[in-house]
Protein backbone atom coordinates (compact mmCIF):
# COMPACT_ATOMS: atom_id res chain seq x y z
CA MET A 1 -17.95 -14.91 -5.90
CA ARG A 2 -20.72 -12.80 -6.13
CA ASN A 3 -19.99 -10.52 -9.16
CA THR A 4 -18.88 -7.24 -7.60
CA GLU A 5 -21.18 -6.69 -5.00
CA GLU A 6 -20.59 -6.21 -1.59
CA ALA A 7 -21.20 -8.32 0.95
CA ASP A 8 -24.08 -7.06 3.42
CA THR A 9 -23.41 -9.75 6.49
CA LEU A 10 -21.06 -11.01 7.89
CA ALA A 11 -21.76 -14.55 7.09
CA GLU A 12 -22.06 -13.10 2.91
CA LEU A 13 -18.54 -11.48 3.80
CA ILE A 14 -17.51 -15.11 4.88
CA ASP A 15 -18.31 -16.83 2.05
CA ASP A 16 -16.50 -14.69 -0.50
CA CYS A 17 -13.68 -14.99 1.32
CA THR A 18 -13.67 -18.92 1.02
CA GLU A 19 -13.75 -18.49 -2.74
CA VAL A 20 -10.42 -16.74 -2.71
CA PRO A 21 -7.79 -18.61 -4.73
CA ALA A 22 -5.48 -20.60 -2.01
CA GLU A 23 -2.26 -18.99 -3.82
CA LEU A 24 -3.88 -15.27 -2.60
CA ARG A 25 -4.74 -16.57 0.85
CA PRO A 26 -2.55 -15.97 3.93
CA THR A 27 -0.01 -18.62 4.77
CA ASP A 28 2.40 -19.61 7.36
CA LYS A 29 5.45 -18.29 5.51
CA ALA A 30 7.52 -15.72 7.21
CA LEU A 31 7.92 -12.09 5.68
CA PRO A 32 10.94 -11.24 3.81
CA GLU A 33 12.07 -8.44 6.52
CA PRO A 34 11.63 -4.68 5.17
CA ARG A 35 14.17 -3.42 3.21
CA LEU A 36 15.58 -0.21 3.98
CA ALA A 37 14.79 2.53 2.47
CA ALA A 38 17.24 4.85 0.59
CA LYS A 39 18.46 8.15 2.18
CA TRP A 40 17.43 11.60 0.78
CA GLN A 41 19.32 13.57 -1.09
CA VAL A 42 18.83 16.95 -2.49
CA SER A 43 21.06 18.33 -5.45
CA ASP A 44 22.00 21.75 -5.17
CA ALA A 45 19.55 22.78 -8.42
CA ASN A 46 16.65 21.31 -6.24
CA ALA A 47 17.39 23.42 -3.18
CA ALA A 48 17.98 26.55 -5.45
CA GLN A 49 14.22 26.07 -6.81
CA VAL A 50 12.70 26.83 -3.11
CA ALA A 51 15.37 29.16 -2.03
CA ASN A 52 13.01 31.91 -1.82
CA LEU A 53 10.16 29.47 -1.48
CA ASP A 54 9.29 32.24 1.88
CA ALA A 55 8.65 34.98 -0.33
CA TYR A 56 5.75 33.30 -1.68
CA VAL A 57 4.46 31.97 1.53
């Protein structure tokens, strides 16, 4: 690769990309399904911290 310089042309960009190690290149393997995000939970203590927030806005 060319140090840390950015490619100035499309040809340079393509040359840089061909030097990327095989283990970092995309493959045809299917990606795993995304996990479901945990549901948000707000404790009474957290709610109490912002209970009077409208007074400051």
